[in-house]
Amino acid sequence: KQILLYLPQKFNEVKVSREIEATIKKVEELGFLKKLKNQEENYEIRRAIKAFVDASWLSDFDAKLLEYKKDGKWS
């Protein structure tokens, strides 16, 4: 809600609020934001690389590298 202070005086508040909420949700799904426990509108901003690269991502990346090597696309 504090972001509304930075918008022009005339704007569609409902539309902008929905867009902001959708963007926050997407960033949360990507792992860059983490909702704080017991706090409705507060988030922890996570380190980008730590939030993006986890064990599953590394495993998938290793599999892709092996596939490239097997196909001769990478030596």
PDB file of N, CA and C in Angstrom:
ATOM      1  N   LYS A   1       0.818  -1.196   0.000  1.00  0.00           N
ATOM      2  CA  LYS A   1       0.000   0.000   0.000  1.00  0.00           C
ATOM      3  C   LYS A   1       0.861   1.260   0.000  1.00  0.00           C
ATOM      4  N   GLN A   2       2.044   1.192   0.556  1.00  0.00           N
ATOM      5  CA  GLN A   2       2.917   2.365   0.595  1.00  0.00           C
ATOM      6  C   GLN A   2       3.375   2.769  -0.797  1.00  0.00           C
ATOM      7  N   ILE A   3       3.378   1.842  -1.729  1.00  0.00           N
ATOM      8  CA  ILE A   3       3.805   2.160  -3.093  1.00  0.00           C
ATOM      9  C   ILE A   3       2.861   3.148  -3.754  1.00  0.00           C
ATOM     10  N   LEU A   4       1.612   3.182  -3.316  1.00  0.00           N
ATOM     11  CA  LEU A   4       0.637   4.094  -3.904  1.00  0.00           C
ATOM     12  C   LEU A   4       1.059   5.548  -3.741  1.00  0.00           C
ATOM     13  N   LEU A   5       1.908   5.840  -2.768  1.00  0.00           N
ATOM     14  CA  LEU A   5       2.412   7.202  -2.567  1.00  0.00           C
ATOM     15  C   LEU A   5       3.228   7.690  -3.757  1.00  0.00           C
ATOM     16  N   TYR A   6       3.805   6.780  -4.520  1.00  0.00           N
ATOM     17  CA  TYR A   6       4.699   7.135  -5.621  1.00  0.00           C
ATOM     18  C   TYR A   6       3.997   7.199  -6.972  1.00  0.00           C
ATOM     19  N   LEU A   7       2.721   6.936  -7.002  1.00  0.00           N
ATOM     20  CA  LEU A   7       1.975   6.954  -8.255  1.00  0.00           C
ATOM     21  C   LEU A   7       1.355   8.322  -8.494  1.00  0.00           C
ATOM     22  N   PRO A   8       1.020   8.618  -9.752  1.00  0.00           N
ATOM     23  CA  PRO A   8       0.371   9.899 -10.050  1.00  0.00           C
ATOM     24  C   PRO A   8      -0.945  10.027  -9.284  1.00  0.00           C
ATOM     25  N   GLN A   9      -1.413  11.260  -9.139  1.00  0.00           N
ATOM     26  CA  GLN A   9      -2.645  11.487  -8.382  1.00  0.00           C
ATOM     27  C   GLN A   9      -3.848  10.828  -9.039  1.00  0.00           C
ATOM     28  N   LYS A  10      -3.886  10.816 -10.370  1.00  0.00           N
ATOM     29  CA  LYS A  10      -5.015  10.209 -11.078  1.00  0.00           C
ATOM     30  C   LYS A  10      -4.571   8.881 -11.693  1.00  0.00           C
ATOM     31  N   PHE A  11      -5.103   7.796 -11.161  1.00  0.00           N
ATOM     32  CA  PHE A  11      -4.826   6.470 -11.687  1.00  0.00           C
ATOM     33  C   PHE A  11      -5.931   5.535 -11.214  1.00  0.00           C
ATOM     34  N   ASN A  12      -6.021   4.385 -11.841  1.00  0.00           N
ATOM     35  CA  ASN A  12      -7.022   3.387 -11.475  1.00  0.00           C
ATOM     36  C   ASN A  12      -6.457   2.559 -10.317  1.00  0.00           C
ATOM     37  N   GLU A  13      -6.866   2.895  -9.106  1.00  0.00           N
ATOM     38  CA  GLU A  13      -6.295   2.264  -7.916  1.00  0.00           C
ATOM     39  C   GLU A  13      -6.533   0.753  -7.883  1.00  0.00           C
ATOM     40  N   VAL A  14      -7.704   0.312  -8.287  1.00  0.00           N
ATOM     41  CA  VAL A  14      -8.012  -1.120  -8.276  1.00  0.00           C
ATOM     42  C   VAL A  14      -7.094  -1.862  -9.241  1.00  0.00           C
ATOM     43  N   LYS A  15      -6.947  -1.325 -10.451  1.00  0.00           N
ATOM     44  CA  LYS A  15      -6.103  -1.965 -11.465  1.00  0.00           C
ATOM     45  C   LYS A  15      -4.647  -2.013 -11.010  1.00  0.00           C
ATOM     46  N   VAL A  16      -4.143  -0.894 -10.516  1.00  0.00           N
ATOM     47  CA  VAL A  16      -2.746  -0.832 -10.082  1.00  0.00           C
ATOM     48  C   VAL A  16      -2.518  -1.760  -8.891  1.00  0.00           C
ATOM     49  N   SER A  17      -3.454  -1.791  -7.952  1.00  0.00           N
ATOM     50  CA  SER A  17      -3.314  -2.680  -6.792  1.00  0.00           C
ATOM     51  C   SER A  17      -3.262  -4.140  -7.220  1.00  0.00           C
ATOM     52  N   ARG A  18      -4.106  -4.519  -8.171  1.00  0.00           N
ATOM     53  CA  ARG A  18      -4.090  -5.901  -8.677  1.00  0.00           C
ATOM     54  C   ARG A  18      -2.768  -6.226  -9.364  1.00  0.00           C
ATOM     55  N   GLU A  19      -2.256  -5.280 -10.155  1.00  0.00           N
ATOM     56  CA  GLU A  19      -0.981  -5.500 -10.847  1.00  0.00           C
ATOM     57  C   GLU A  19       0.159  -5.651  -9.849  1.00  0.00           C
ATOM     58  N   ILE A  20       0.156  -4.831  -8.811  1.00  0.00           N
ATOM     59  CA  ILE A  20       1.203  -4.908  -7.785  1.00  0.00           C
ATOM     60  C   ILE A  20       1.122  -6.249  -7.064  1.00  0.00           C
ATOM     61  N   GLU A  21      -0.084  -6.654  -6.675  1.00  0.00           N
ATOM     62  CA  GLU A  21      -0.262  -7.932  -5.984  1.00  0.00           C
ATOM     63  C   GLU A  21       0.167  -9.103  -6.862  1.00  0.00           C
ATOM     64  N   ALA A  22      -0.150  -9.055  -8.152  1.00  0.00           N
ATOM     65  CA  ALA A  22       0.243 -10.125  -9.077  1.00  0.00           C
ATOM     66  C   ALA A  22       1.762 -10.192  -9.217  1.00  0.00           C
ATOM     67  N   THR A  23       2.395  -9.030  -9.294  1.00  0.00           N
ATOM     68  CA  THR A  23       3.855  -8.989  -9.417  1.00  0.00           C
ATOM     69  C   THR A  23       4.516  -9.540  -8.163  1.00  0.00           C
ATOM     70  N   ILE A  24       4.024  -9.141  -7.007  1.00  0.00           N
ATOM     71  CA  ILE A  24       4.578  -9.646  -5.747  1.00  0.00           C
ATOM     72  C   ILE A  24       4.413 -11.161  -5.674  1.00  0.00           C
ATOM     73  N   LYS A  25       3.255 -11.662  -6.060  1.00  0.00           N
ATOM     74  CA  LYS A  25       3.012 -13.109  -6.036  1.00  0.00           C
ATOM     75  C   LYS A  25       3.983 -13.843  -6.960  1.00  0.00           C
ATOM     76  N   LYS A  26       4.212 -13.302  -8.153  1.00  0.00           N
ATOM     77  CA  LYS A  26       5.130 -13.925  -9.107  1.00  0.00           C
ATOM     78  C   LYS A  26       6.555 -13.949  -8.554  1.00  0.00           C
ATOM     79  N   VAL A  27       6.989 -12.830  -7.973  1.00  0.00           N
ATOM     80  CA  VAL A  27       8.338 -12.752  -7.403  1.00  0.00           C
ATOM     81  C   VAL A  27       8.463 -13.723  -6.227  1.00  0.00           C
ATOM     82  N   GLU A  28       7.381 -13.870  -5.464  1.00  0.00           N
ATOM     83  CA  GLU A  28       7.376 -14.833  -4.366  1.00  0.00           C
ATOM     84  C   GLU A  28       7.479 -16.264  -4.909  1.00  0.00           C
ATOM     85  N   GLU A  29       6.744 -16.572  -5.982  1.00  0.00           N
ATOM     86  CA  GLU A  29       6.801 -17.907  -6.597  1.00  0.00           C
ATOM     87  C   GLU A  29       8.192 -18.216  -7.134  1.00  0.00           C
ATOM     88  N   LEU A  30       8.888 -17.198  -7.621  1.00  0.00           N
ATOM     89  CA  LEU A  30      10.245 -17.389  -8.130  1.00  0.00           C
ATOM     90  C   LEU A  30      11.257 -17.579  -7.004  1.00  0.00           C
ATOM     91  N   GLY A  31      10.854 -17.286  -5.774  1.00  0.00           N
ATOM     92  CA  GLY A  31      11.723 -17.506  -4.628  1.00  0.00           C
ATOM     93  C   GLY A  31      12.539 -16.307  -4.208  1.00  0.00           C
ATOM     94  N   PHE A  32      12.286 -15.154  -4.774  1.00  0.00           N
ATOM     95  CA  PHE A  32      13.052 -13.961  -4.425  1.00  0.00           C
ATOM     96  C   PHE A  32      12.455 -13.217  -3.236  1.00  0.00           C
ATOM     97  N   LEU A  33      11.204 -13.490  -2.916  1.00  0.00           N
ATOM     98  CA  LEU A  33      10.547 -12.944  -1.728  1.00  0.00           C
ATOM     99  C   LEU A  33      10.025 -14.109  -0.906  1.00  0.00           C
ATOM    100  N   LYS A  34      10.059 -13.932   0.404  1.00  0.00           N
ATOM    101  CA  LYS A  34       9.500 -14.944   1.293  1.00  0.00           C
ATOM    102  C   LYS A  34       8.626 -14.221   2.306  1.00  0.00           C
ATOM    103  N   LYS A  35       7.341 -14.603   2.347  1.00  0.00           N
ATOM    104  CA  LYS A  35       6.410 -13.968   3.285  1.00  0.00           C
ATOM    105  C   LYS A  35       6.846 -14.300   4.706  1.00  0.00           C
ATOM    106  N   LEU A  36       6.913 -13.277   5.561  1.00  0.00           N
ATOM    107  CA  LEU A  36       7.304 -13.489   6.946  1.00  0.00           C
ATOM    108  C   LEU A  36       6.151 -14.126   7.715  1.00  0.00           C
ATOM    109  N   LYS A  37       6.483 -15.035   8.599  1.00  0.00           N
ATOM    110  CA  LYS A  37       5.464 -15.729   9.385  1.00  0.00           C
ATOM    111  C   LYS A  37       4.695 -14.737  10.250  1.00  0.00           C
ATOM    112  N   ASN A  38       3.397 -14.939  10.325  1.00  0.00           N
ATOM    113  CA  ASN A  38       2.500 -14.135  11.162  1.00  0.00           C
ATOM    114  C   ASN A  38       2.488 -12.655  10.812  1.00  0.00           C
ATOM    115  N   GLN A  39       2.913 -12.307   9.600  1.00  0.00           N
ATOM    116  CA  GLN A  39       2.904 -10.909   9.167  1.00  0.00           C
ATOM    117  C   GLN A  39       2.305 -10.862   7.771  1.00  0.00           C
ATOM    118  N   GLU A  40       1.150 -10.238   7.664  1.00  0.00           N
ATOM    119  CA  GLU A  40       0.360 -10.292   6.439  1.00  0.00           C
ATOM    120  C   GLU A  40       1.038  -9.666   5.228  1.00  0.00           C
ATOM    121  N   GLU A  41       1.652  -8.503   5.385  1.00  0.00           N
ATOM    122  CA  GLU A  41       2.178  -7.780   4.224  1.00  0.00           C
ATOM    123  C   GLU A  41       3.685  -7.544   4.290  1.00  0.00           C
ATOM    124  N   ASN A  42       4.396  -8.345   5.060  1.00  0.00           N
ATOM    125  CA  ASN A  42       5.838  -8.166   5.174  1.00  0.00           C
ATOM    126  C   ASN A  42       6.560  -9.362   4.568  1.00  0.00           C
ATOM    127  N   TYR A  43       7.641  -9.056   3.857  1.00  0.00           N
ATOM    128  CA  TYR A  43       8.396 -10.083   3.149  1.00  0.00           C
ATOM    129  C   TYR A  43       9.879  -9.962   3.454  1.00  0.00           C
ATOM    130  N   GLU A  44      10.553 -11.086   3.363  1.00  0.00           N
ATOM    131  CA  GLU A  44      12.011 -11.118   3.399  1.00  0.00           C
ATOM    132  C   GLU A  44      12.478 -11.122   1.947  1.00  0.00           C
ATOM    133  N   ILE A  45      13.399 -10.238   1.618  1.00  0.00           N
ATOM    134  CA  ILE A  45      13.981 -10.233   0.279  1.00  0.00           C
ATOM    135  C   ILE A  45      15.180 -11.167   0.326  1.00  0.00           C
ATOM    136  N   ARG A  46      15.133 -12.217  -0.481  1.00  0.00           N
ATOM    137  CA  ARG A  46      16.172 -13.233  -0.438  1.00  0.00           C
ATOM    138  C   ARG A  46      17.273 -12.924  -1.440  1.00  0.00           C
ATOM    139  N   ARG A  47      18.437 -13.427  -1.158  1.00  0.00           N
ATOM    140  CA  ARG A  47      19.547 -13.267  -2.095  1.00  0.00           C
ATOM    141  C   ARG A  47      19.166 -13.927  -3.406  1.00  0.00           C
ATOM    142  N   ALA A  48      19.379 -13.230  -4.483  1.00  0.00           N
ATOM    143  CA  ALA A  48      18.898 -13.690  -5.791  1.00  0.00           C
ATOM    144  C   ALA A  48      19.453 -15.064  -6.155  1.00  0.00           C
ATOM    145  N   ILE A  49      20.743 -15.249  -6.096  1.00  0.00           N
ATOM    146  CA  ILE A  49      21.321 -16.511  -6.550  1.00  0.00           C
ATOM    147  C   ILE A  49      20.932 -17.646  -5.607  1.00  0.00           C
ATOM    148  N   LYS A  50      20.894 -17.370  -4.310  1.00  0.00           N
ATOM    149  CA  LYS A  50      20.530 -18.390  -3.333  1.00  0.00           C
ATOM    150  C   LYS A  50      19.069 -18.798  -3.499  1.00  0.00           C
ATOM    151  N   ALA A  51      18.230 -17.845  -3.811  1.00  0.00           N
ATOM    152  CA  ALA A  51      16.810 -18.134  -3.994  1.00  0.00           C
ATOM    153  C   ALA A  51      16.561 -18.893  -5.292  1.00  0.00           C
ATOM    154  N   PHE A  52      17.356 -18.642  -6.296  1.00  0.00           N
ATOM    155  CA  PHE A  52      17.127 -19.214  -7.621  1.00  0.00           C
ATOM    156  C   PHE A  52      17.790 -20.574  -7.784  1.00  0.00           C
ATOM    157  N   VAL A  53      18.990 -20.732  -7.246  1.00  0.00           N
ATOM    158  CA  VAL A  53      19.764 -21.960  -7.432  1.00  0.00           C
ATOM    159  C   VAL A  53      19.644 -22.816  -6.173  1.00  0.00           C
ATOM    160  N   ASP A  54      18.953 -23.940  -6.310  1.00  0.00           N
ATOM    161  CA  ASP A  54      18.842 -24.884  -5.209  1.00  0.00           C
ATOM    162  C   ASP A  54      19.309 -26.260  -5.691  1.00  0.00           C
ATOM    163  N   ALA A  55      19.195 -27.260  -4.851  1.00  0.00           N
ATOM    164  CA  ALA A  55      19.683 -28.596  -5.206  1.00  0.00           C
ATOM    165  C   ALA A  55      18.976 -29.147  -6.447  1.00  0.00           C
ATOM    166  N   SER A  56      17.693 -28.920  -6.549  1.00  0.00           N
ATOM    167  CA  SER A  56      16.940 -29.401  -7.713  1.00  0.00           C
ATOM    168  C   SER A  56      17.418 -28.725  -8.993  1.00  0.00           C
ATOM    169  N   TRP A  57      17.633 -27.418  -8.931  1.00  0.00           N
ATOM    170  CA  TRP A  57      18.104 -26.665 -10.097  1.00  0.00           C
ATOM    171  C   TRP A  57      19.477 -27.176 -10.521  1.00  0.00           C
ATOM    172  N   LEU A  58      20.367 -27.399  -9.548  1.00  0.00           N
ATOM    173  CA  LEU A  58      21.709 -27.897  -9.861  1.00  0.00           C
ATOM    174  C   LEU A  58      21.650 -29.287 -10.490  1.00  0.00           C
ATOM    175  N   SER A  59      20.770 -30.129  -9.988  1.00  0.00           N
ATOM    176  CA  SER A  59      20.614 -31.472 -10.555  1.00  0.00           C
ATOM    177  C   SER A  59      20.145 -31.401 -12.006  1.00  0.00           C
ATOM    178  N   ASP A  60      19.161 -30.554 -12.278  1.00  0.00           N
ATOM    179  CA  ASP A  60      18.680 -30.366 -13.654  1.00  0.00           C
ATOM    180  C   ASP A  60      19.784 -29.821 -14.552  1.00  0.00           C
ATOM    181  N   PHE A  61      20.565 -28.888 -14.033  1.00  0.00           N
ATOM    182  CA  PHE A  61      21.659 -28.289 -14.796  1.00  0.00           C
ATOM    183  C   PHE A  61      22.711 -29.343 -15.130  1.00  0.00           C
ATOM    184  N   ASP A  62      23.053 -30.188 -14.145  1.00  0.00           N
ATOM    185  CA  ASP A  62      24.012 -31.274 -14.389  1.00  0.00           C
ATOM    186  C   ASP A  62      23.514 -32.212 -15.483  1.00  0.00           C
ATOM    187  N   ALA A  63      22.232 -32.543 -15.446  1.00  0.00           N
ATOM    188  CA  ALA A  63      21.651 -33.429 -16.461  1.00  0.00           C
ATOM    189  C   ALA A  63      21.739 -32.794 -17.843  1.00  0.00           C
ATOM    190  N   LYS A  64      21.480 -31.504 -17.939  1.00  0.00           N
ATOM    191  CA  LYS A  64      21.574 -30.810 -19.231  1.00  0.00           C
ATOM    192  C   LYS A  64      23.008 -30.796 -19.740  1.00  0.00           C
ATOM    193  N   LEU A  65      23.966 -30.577 -18.846  1.00  0.00           N
ATOM    194  CA  LEU A  65      25.373 -30.582 -19.255  1.00  0.00           C
ATOM    195  C   LEU A  65      25.781 -31.956 -19.785  1.00  0.00           C
ATOM    196  N   LEU A  66      25.349 -33.013 -19.103  1.00  0.00           N
ATOM    197  CA  LEU A  66      25.659 -34.366 -19.571  1.00  0.00           C
ATOM    198  C   LEU A  66      25.031 -34.634 -20.933  1.00  0.00           C
ATOM    199  N   GLU A  67      23.811 -34.133 -21.138  1.00  0.00           N
ATOM    200  CA  GLU A  67      23.136 -34.303 -22.423  1.00  0.00           C
ATOM    201  C   GLU A  67      23.887 -33.570 -23.533  1.00  0.00           C
ATOM    202  N   TYR A  68      24.328 -32.346 -23.261  1.00  0.00           N
ATOM    203  CA  TYR A  68      25.100 -31.593 -24.257  1.00  0.00           C
ATOM    204  C   TYR A  68      26.392 -32.325 -24.598  1.00  0.00           C
ATOM    205  N   LYS A  69      27.050 -32.850 -23.565  1.00  0.00           N
ATOM    206  CA  LYS A  69      28.313 -33.554 -23.784  1.00  0.00           C
ATOM    207  C   LYS A  69      28.074 -34.820 -24.609  1.00  0.00           C
ATOM    208  N   LYS A  70      27.013 -35.564 -24.293  1.00  0.00           N
ATOM    209  CA  LYS A  70      26.674 -36.797 -25.009  1.00  0.00           C
ATOM    210  C   LYS A  70      26.352 -36.510 -26.476  1.00  0.00           C
ATOM    211  N   ASP A  71      25.658 -35.426 -26.745  1.00  0.00           N
ATOM    212  CA  ASP A  71      25.266 -35.056 -28.109  1.00  0.00           C
ATOM    213  C   ASP A  71      26.398 -34.394 -28.892  1.00  0.00           C
ATOM    214  N   GLY A  72      27.547 -34.200 -28.249  1.00  0.00           N
ATOM    215  CA  GLY A  72      28.680 -33.586 -28.927  1.00  0.00           C
ATOM    216  C   GLY A  72      28.567 -32.079 -29.084  1.00  0.00           C
ATOM    217  N   LYS A  73      27.636 -31.472 -28.371  1.00  0.00           N
ATOM    218  CA  LYS A  73      27.462 -30.017 -28.450  1.00  0.00           C
ATOM    219  C   LYS A  73      28.440 -29.282 -27.550  1.00  0.00           C
ATOM    220  N   TRP A  74      29.107 -30.049 -26.703  1.00  0.00           N
ATOM    221  CA  TRP A  74      30.029 -29.445 -25.748  1.00  0.00           C
ATOM    222  C   TRP A  74      31.148 -30.433 -25.507  1.00  0.00           C
ATOM    223  N   SER A  75      32.375 -29.965 -25.563  1.00  0.00           N
ATOM    224  CA  SER A  75      33.484 -30.907 -25.357  1.00  0.00           C
ATOM    225  C   SER A  75      34.286 -30.560 -24.140  1.00  0.00           C
TER     226      SER A  75
END
